[in-house]
Amino acid sequence: MIAILTPLLYALGPLALLLVMAVVFTETGLLLGFFLPGDSLLFLAGALVASHVIALPFWVLVAGVLLAAVAGDQLGYLVGRHYGPKIFSRPDSRLFRQENAERARAFFARRGAIAVIAGRFVPVVRTFVPVVAGVGRMPHRTFTVLNLLGAVVWAVGIVTVGFFFGGITFVAAHIELITIVIAGVSVVPAAIEVLRRRRGRLVTAESNAGAGEVPSVAAC
């Protein structure tokens, strides 16, 4: 996905901020955004601003991503509070898997309230944790405070790291190559997940096949 978004960042200029904000908001506020590359996109946006590829003041980028991150989590919380039971009882589809929701539930159960902050740094989990907090009826004021802290640490933090790296002369001179590397690395977790699921399906199929052979042997 980052490979698709990167050319848009180059082409849009200052309007690239709107794209970054839309991705951050969707990933953290809409259950359909779990596949979006929030971490790598924020890092890259910071680097491109530092390298003057995106002609924006740094504070404008920071303000934009902070707003999008906070608003996204607030929406996720409200969705969970009002529609959570319906969402978590729905069957699997291409855009929604119960295992992702259960993963966020388990993360929330282990970490407690701090999961609202820590979950920001875990892909997929950061999409579902606000919803889980809403389902669990976490006090709205408490969630809002944790949401603000998490947005500052995650969104602003990653953008800032990208900005300082982008300000390094070597990085600025090779920003296009580094962009390609980031895009390549971002594909690795998705590829591992696909291989893991495929292996799981094969193991399940072999187990079922083995179980199916037992009756025929017994019958003989």
Protein backbone atom coordinates (compact mmCIF):
# COMPACT_ATOMS: atom_id res chain seq x y z
CA MET A 1 0.00 0.00 0.00
CA ILE A 2 2.83 2.43 0.80
CA ALA A 3 4.16 1.80 -2.71
CA ILE A 4 0.85 3.10 -4.08
CA LEU A 5 0.69 6.10 -1.76
CA THR A 6 4.28 7.25 -2.22
CA PRO A 7 3.91 8.59 -5.79
CA LEU A 8 0.86 10.52 -4.62
CA LEU A 9 2.88 12.17 -1.86
CA TYR A 10 5.37 13.35 -4.49
CA ALA A 11 2.70 14.51 -6.91
CA LEU A 12 0.34 16.31 -4.54
CA GLY A 13 2.85 18.69 -3.02
CA PRO A 14 1.37 20.52 0.03
CA LEU A 15 -1.95 18.75 -0.56
CA ALA A 16 -0.17 15.54 0.43
CA LEU A 17 -1.03 16.51 4.00
CA LEU A 18 -4.68 15.79 3.26
CA LEU A 19 -3.78 12.32 2.01
CA VAL A 20 -1.73 11.60 5.13
CA MET A 21 -4.53 12.84 7.36
CA ALA A 22 -7.09 10.74 5.51
CA VAL A 23 -4.98 7.59 5.90
CA VAL A 24 -4.35 8.21 9.62
CA PHE A 25 -8.02 8.96 10.27
CA THR A 26 -9.19 5.90 8.34
CA GLU A 27 -6.70 3.55 9.95
CA THR A 28 -7.55 4.63 13.48
CA GLY A 29 -11.23 5.46 13.08
CA LEU A 30 -12.73 3.04 10.57
CA LEU A 31 -12.55 -0.73 10.92
CA LEU A 32 -11.85 -0.99 7.20
CA GLY A 33 -8.52 0.84 7.59
CA PHE A 34 -6.55 -1.89 9.38
CA PHE A 35 -4.48 -2.62 6.25
CA LEU A 36 -3.22 0.97 5.84
CA PRO A 37 0.49 1.69 6.47
CA GLY A 38 0.23 4.41 9.14
CA ASP A 39 3.72 4.05 10.63
CA SER A 40 5.71 4.06 7.40
CA LEU A 41 3.55 6.81 5.88
CA LEU A 42 4.07 9.15 8.85
CA PHE A 43 7.81 8.54 8.82
CA LEU A 44 7.98 9.15 5.09
CA ALA A 45 5.87 12.32 5.30
CA GLY A 46 8.21 13.76 7.92
CA ALA A 47 11.25 12.91 5.80
CA LEU A 48 9.72 14.44 2.66
CA VAL A 49 8.91 17.67 4.48
CA ALA A 50 12.47 17.87 5.79
CA SER A 51 13.80 17.24 2.27
CA HIS A 52 11.49 19.97 0.86
CA VAL A 53 9.79 17.46 -1.42
CA ILE A 54 6.56 18.44 0.36
CA ALA A 55 6.61 22.22 0.76
CA LEU A 56 4.97 22.52 4.16
CA PRO A 57 6.06 23.93 7.51
CA PHE A 58 6.81 21.11 9.92
CA TRP A 59 4.30 22.38 12.49
CA VAL A 60 1.50 22.23 9.90
CA LEU A 61 2.26 18.55 9.24
CA VAL A 62 2.36 17.82 12.97
CA ALA A 63 -0.92 19.64 13.62
CA GLY A 64 -2.61 17.82 10.75
CA VAL A 65 -1.58 14.30 11.74
CA LEU A 66 -2.35 14.99 15.41
CA LEU A 67 -5.86 16.14 14.54
CA ALA A 68 -6.48 13.14 12.30
CA ALA A 69 -5.14 10.65 14.87
CA VAL A 70 -7.24 12.07 17.72
CA ALA A 71 -10.40 12.34 15.60
CA GLY A 72 -9.95 8.81 14.25
CA ASP A 73 -9.71 7.23 17.69
CA GLN A 74 -12.66 9.26 18.95
CA LEU A 75 -14.77 7.94 16.10
CA GLY A 76 -13.61 4.38 16.77
CA TYR A 77 -14.57 4.73 20.43
CA LEU A 78 -18.05 6.03 19.56
CA VAL A 79 -18.56 3.24 17.02
CA GLY A 80 -17.65 0.68 19.68
CA ARG A 81 -19.86 2.27 22.31
CA HIS A 82 -22.95 2.42 20.13
CA TYR A 83 -22.52 -0.45 17.65
CA GLY A 84 -19.87 -2.69 19.23
CA PRO A 85 -21.95 -5.81 19.89
CA LYS A 86 -23.22 -5.86 16.29
CA ILE A 87 -19.71 -5.35 14.92
CA PHE A 88 -18.09 -8.08 17.00
CA SER A 89 -20.80 -10.60 16.19
CA ARG A 90 -20.60 -10.19 12.43
CA PRO A 91 -19.09 -13.01 10.32
CA ASP A 92 -15.71 -12.82 8.63
CA SER A 93 -15.40 -11.07 5.29
CA ARG A 94 -12.60 -9.73 3.15
CA LEU A 95 -12.63 -6.46 5.08
CA PHE A 96 -13.37 -7.77 8.57
CA ARG A 97 -11.93 -10.74 10.44
CA GLN A 98 -12.92 -11.79 13.92
CA GLU A 99 -9.33 -12.76 14.69
CA ASN A 100 -8.30 -9.09 14.37
CA ALA A 101 -10.99 -8.04 16.81
CA GLU A 102 -10.03 -10.81 19.22
CA ARG A 103 -6.38 -9.82 18.97
CA ALA A 104 -7.29 -6.28 20.03
CA ARG A 105 -9.50 -7.60 22.83
CA ALA A 106 -6.65 -9.73 24.18
CA PHE A 107 -4.24 -6.80 23.93
CA PHE A 108 -6.69 -4.57 25.80
CA ALA A 109 -7.23 -7.23 28.48
CA ARG A 110 -3.47 -7.55 29.08
CA ARG A 111 -2.61 -3.86 29.04
CA GLY A 112 -5.75 -2.30 30.50
CA ALA A 113 -6.26 1.42 29.94
CA ILE A 114 -2.65 1.88 28.77
CA ALA A 115 -3.61 -0.17 25.69
CA VAL A 116 -5.13 3.00 24.21
CA ILE A 117 -1.60 4.42 24.08
CA ALA A 118 0.46 1.27 23.51
CA GLY A 119 -1.95 -0.05 20.90
CA ARG A 120 -1.06 2.85 18.61
CA PHE A 121 2.25 1.15 17.87
CA VAL A 122 0.77 -2.23 16.88
CA PRO A 123 -0.62 -2.50 13.33
CA VAL A 124 -4.20 -3.81 13.16
CA VAL A 125 -4.51 -3.54 16.95
CA ARG A 126 -4.55 0.26 16.75
CA THR A 127 -7.59 0.04 14.48
CA PHE A 128 -9.63 -2.07 16.90
CA VAL A 129 -8.50 -0.89 20.37
CA PRO A 130 -10.65 2.30 20.35
CA VAL A 131 -13.65 0.17 19.41
CA VAL A 132 -12.89 -2.29 22.21
CA ALA A 133 -12.60 0.63 24.65
CA GLY A 134 -16.03 1.81 23.55
CA VAL A 135 -17.53 -1.67 23.86
CA GLY A 136 -16.04 -1.95 27.34
CA ARG A 137 -17.62 1.37 28.36
CA MET A 138 -14.36 3.05 29.32
CA PRO A 139 -15.28 6.53 30.62
CA HIS A 140 -15.22 8.94 27.68
CA ARG A 141 -13.12 11.49 29.54
CA THR A 142 -10.52 8.88 30.44
CA PHE A 143 -10.40 7.63 26.86
CA THR A 144 -10.03 11.17 25.50
CA VAL A 145 -7.02 11.88 27.72
CA LEU A 146 -5.34 8.60 26.76
CA ASN A 147 -6.22 9.22 23.13
CA LEU A 148 -4.49 12.61 23.18
CA LEU A 149 -1.39 11.16 24.83
CA GLY A 150 -1.28 8.26 22.39
CA ALA A 151 -1.67 10.55 19.39
CA VAL A 152 1.18 12.76 20.54
CA VAL A 153 3.52 9.84 21.23
CA TRP A 154 2.67 7.88 18.07
CA ALA A 155 1.72 10.30 15.29
CA VAL A 156 3.79 13.31 16.29
CA GLY A 157 6.65 11.09 17.45
CA ILE A 158 6.99 9.15 14.20
CA VAL A 159 6.62 12.28 12.05
CA THR A 160 9.32 13.99 14.10
CA VAL A 161 11.70 11.05 13.75
CA GLY A 162 11.10 11.05 9.99
CA PHE A 163 11.68 14.81 9.85
CA PHE A 164 15.02 14.65 11.63
CA PHE A 165 16.19 11.75 9.49
CA GLY A 166 15.05 13.61 6.39
CA GLY A 167 17.13 16.59 7.49
CA ILE A 168 20.33 14.55 7.30
CA THR A 169 22.20 15.46 4.13
CA PHE A 170 22.73 11.87 3.01
CA VAL A 171 19.07 11.00 3.56
CA ALA A 172 17.87 14.11 1.74
CA ALA A 173 20.14 13.31 -1.21
CA HIS A 174 18.86 9.74 -1.45
CA ILE A 175 15.25 10.24 -0.40
CA GLU A 176 13.89 8.41 -3.47
CA LEU A 177 16.01 5.33 -2.77
CA ILE A 178 15.03 5.39 0.90
CA THR A 179 11.39 5.66 -0.15
CA ILE A 180 11.76 2.47 -2.18
CA VAL A 181 13.39 0.72 0.79
CA ILE A 182 10.57 1.80 3.12
CA ALA A 183 8.00 0.55 0.62
CA GLY A 184 9.81 -2.79 0.36
CA VAL A 185 10.14 -3.25 4.12
CA SER A 186 6.49 -2.37 4.67
CA VAL A 187 5.49 -5.34 2.51
CA VAL A 188 7.36 -7.86 4.68
CA PRO A 189 4.86 -8.06 7.60
CA ALA A 190 1.95 -8.50 5.19
CA ALA A 191 3.82 -11.24 3.32
CA ILE A 192 4.60 -13.04 6.59
CA GLU A 193 0.94 -12.84 7.62
CA VAL A 194 -0.21 -14.26 4.27
CA LEU A 195 2.28 -17.14 4.55
CA ARG A 196 1.23 -17.79 8.16
CA ARG A 197 -2.46 -17.99 7.22
CA ARG A 198 -1.72 -20.20 4.22
CA ARG A 199 0.32 -22.54 6.40
CA GLY A 200 -2.50 -22.60 8.96
CA ARG A 201 -5.03 -23.53 6.28
CA LEU A 202 -2.76 -26.32 5.02
CA VAL A 203 -2.31 -27.74 8.53
CA THR A 204 -6.08 -27.60 9.10
CA ALA A 205 -6.75 -29.29 5.76
CA GLU A 206 -4.23 -32.05 6.52
CA SER A 207 -5.74 -32.57 9.98
CA ASN A 208 -9.23 -32.83 8.51
CA ALA A 209 -8.02 -35.22 5.84
CA GLY A 210 -6.33 -37.37 8.46
CA ALA A 211 -9.45 -37.41 10.61
CA GLY A 212 -11.52 -38.40 7.59
CA GLU A 213 -9.34 -41.46 6.94
CA VAL A 214 -9.89 -42.96 10.40
CA PRO A 215 -13.48 -44.13 9.85
CA SER A 216 -12.59 -45.84 6.57
CA VAL A 217 -9.77 -47.80 8.25
CA ALA A 218 -12.03 -48.78 11.10
CA ALA A 219 -14.70 -49.88 8.66
CA CYS A 220 -12.25 -52.23 7.00
